[in-house]
Amino acid sequence: SPYRPNNIGFSIVEIDQIIKNKLYFTEVDMLDGTPLLDIKPFVKQFDNRENTRSGWIEKHFDYG
């Protein structure tokens, strides 16, 4: 998104395929041409955080 408070974002993506040294993925919220800084696997035991809060936006989801 071009409206982030800094130029570094975080996305969990789904990898569709890997061909040679290219990753093809979907479900990302970045602009085309955005540099990629790091790749790490999604590990359910570490990356799912059920006791987290979304802060101020939670009140908007309380009413559907």
C-alpha atoms as a PDB file:
ATOM      1  CA  SER A   1       0.000   0.000   0.000  1.00  0.00           C
ATOM      2  CA  PRO A   2       1.327   3.472  -0.719  1.00  0.00           C
ATOM      3  CA  TYR A   3      -0.105   4.745   2.594  1.00  0.00           C
ATOM      4  CA  ARG A   4       2.082   2.861   5.085  1.00  0.00           C
ATOM      5  CA  PRO A   5       3.790   4.868   7.849  1.00  0.00           C
ATOM      6  CA  ASN A   6       7.113   3.512   6.591  1.00  0.00           C
ATOM      7  CA  ASN A   7       8.267   1.856   3.397  1.00  0.00           C
ATOM      8  CA  ILE A   8       8.470  -1.670   4.860  1.00  0.00           C
ATOM      9  CA  GLY A   9       5.364  -3.862   4.874  1.00  0.00           C
ATOM     10  CA  PHE A  10       4.600  -7.393   5.983  1.00  0.00           C
ATOM     11  CA  SER A  11       2.525  -9.867   3.984  1.00  0.00           C
ATOM     12  CA  ILE A  12       1.679 -13.531   4.294  1.00  0.00           C
ATOM     13  CA  VAL A  13       1.411 -14.854   0.746  1.00  0.00           C
ATOM     14  CA  GLU A  14       0.552 -18.106  -0.985  1.00  0.00           C
ATOM     15  CA  ILE A  15       3.288 -19.410  -3.272  1.00  0.00           C
ATOM     16  CA  ASP A  16       1.810 -20.699  -6.529  1.00  0.00           C
ATOM     17  CA  GLN A  17       5.003 -21.954  -8.126  1.00  0.00           C
ATOM     18  CA  ILE A  18       8.776 -21.654  -8.132  1.00  0.00           C
ATOM     19  CA  ILE A  19      10.555 -21.701 -11.481  1.00  0.00           C
ATOM     20  CA  LYS A  20      14.348 -21.502 -11.325  1.00  0.00           C
ATOM     21  CA  ASN A  21      14.995 -18.396  -9.216  1.00  0.00           C
ATOM     22  CA  LYS A  22      11.524 -16.836  -9.534  1.00  0.00           C
ATOM     23  CA  LEU A  23       8.683 -17.041  -7.031  1.00  0.00           C
ATOM     24  CA  TYR A  24       5.106 -16.673  -8.236  1.00  0.00           C
ATOM     25  CA  PHE A  25       2.688 -15.842  -5.438  1.00  0.00           C
ATOM     26  CA  THR A  26      -0.771 -14.445  -4.710  1.00  0.00           C
ATOM     27  CA  GLU A  27      -2.661 -12.888  -1.789  1.00  0.00           C
ATOM     28  CA  VAL A  28      -0.263  -9.999  -1.347  1.00  0.00           C
ATOM     29  CA  ASP A  29      -0.919  -6.323  -0.597  1.00  0.00           C
ATOM     30  CA  MET A  30       2.017  -4.661  -2.300  1.00  0.00           C
ATOM     31  CA  LEU A  31       2.556  -2.604  -5.416  1.00  0.00           C
ATOM     32  CA  ASP A  32       4.197  -4.082  -8.514  1.00  0.00           C
ATOM     33  CA  GLY A  33       7.933  -3.500  -8.427  1.00  0.00           C
ATOM     34  CA  THR A  34       8.163  -3.344  -4.621  1.00  0.00           C
ATOM     35  CA  PRO A  35      11.548  -4.671  -3.434  1.00  0.00           C
ATOM     36  CA  LEU A  36      11.453  -7.910  -1.464  1.00  0.00           C
ATOM     37  CA  LEU A  37      13.643  -7.829   1.649  1.00  0.00           C
ATOM     38  CA  ASP A  38      13.107 -11.206   3.278  1.00  0.00           C
ATOM     39  CA  ILE A  39      11.317 -14.516   2.791  1.00  0.00           C
ATOM     40  CA  LYS A  40      10.473 -16.893   5.596  1.00  0.00           C
ATOM     41  CA  PRO A  41       8.178 -19.897   5.776  1.00  0.00           C
ATOM     42  CA  PHE A  42       4.822 -19.679   7.516  1.00  0.00           C
ATOM     43  CA  VAL A  43       5.007 -21.939  10.572  1.00  0.00           C
ATOM     44  CA  LYS A  44       1.565 -22.412  12.106  1.00  0.00           C
ATOM     45  CA  GLN A  45       2.951 -23.080  15.589  1.00  0.00           C
ATOM     46  CA  PHE A  46       4.827 -19.754  15.604  1.00  0.00           C
ATOM     47  CA  ASP A  47       2.998 -17.427  13.208  1.00  0.00           C
ATOM     48  CA  ASN A  48      -0.619 -17.921  14.342  1.00  0.00           C
ATOM     49  CA  ARG A  49      -1.173 -15.625  17.273  1.00  0.00           C
ATOM     50  CA  GLU A  50      -4.606 -16.107  18.770  1.00  0.00           C
ATOM     51  CA  ASN A  51      -4.096 -13.774  21.732  1.00  0.00           C
ATOM     52  CA  THR A  52      -3.410 -10.657  19.653  1.00  0.00           C
ATOM     53  CA  ARG A  53      -5.522  -7.550  19.209  1.00  0.00           C
ATOM     54  CA  SER A  54      -6.055  -5.293  16.230  1.00  0.00           C
ATOM     55  CA  GLY A  55      -6.267  -2.162  18.362  1.00  0.00           C
ATOM     56  CA  TRP A  56      -8.574   0.676  17.327  1.00  0.00           C
ATOM     57  CA  ILE A  57     -10.084  -1.176  14.366  1.00  0.00           C
ATOM     58  CA  GLU A  58     -11.579  -3.974  16.529  1.00  0.00           C
ATOM     59  CA  LYS A  59     -14.582  -1.804  17.455  1.00  0.00           C
ATOM     60  CA  HIS A  60     -15.564  -1.632  13.769  1.00  0.00           C
ATOM     61  CA  PHE A  61     -15.866  -5.418  13.548  1.00  0.00           C
ATOM     62  CA  ASP A  62     -17.861  -5.840  16.763  1.00  0.00           C
ATOM     63  CA  TYR A  63     -21.047  -4.845  14.966  1.00  0.00           C
ATOM     64  CA  GLY A  64     -20.529  -6.813  11.754  1.00  0.00           C
END
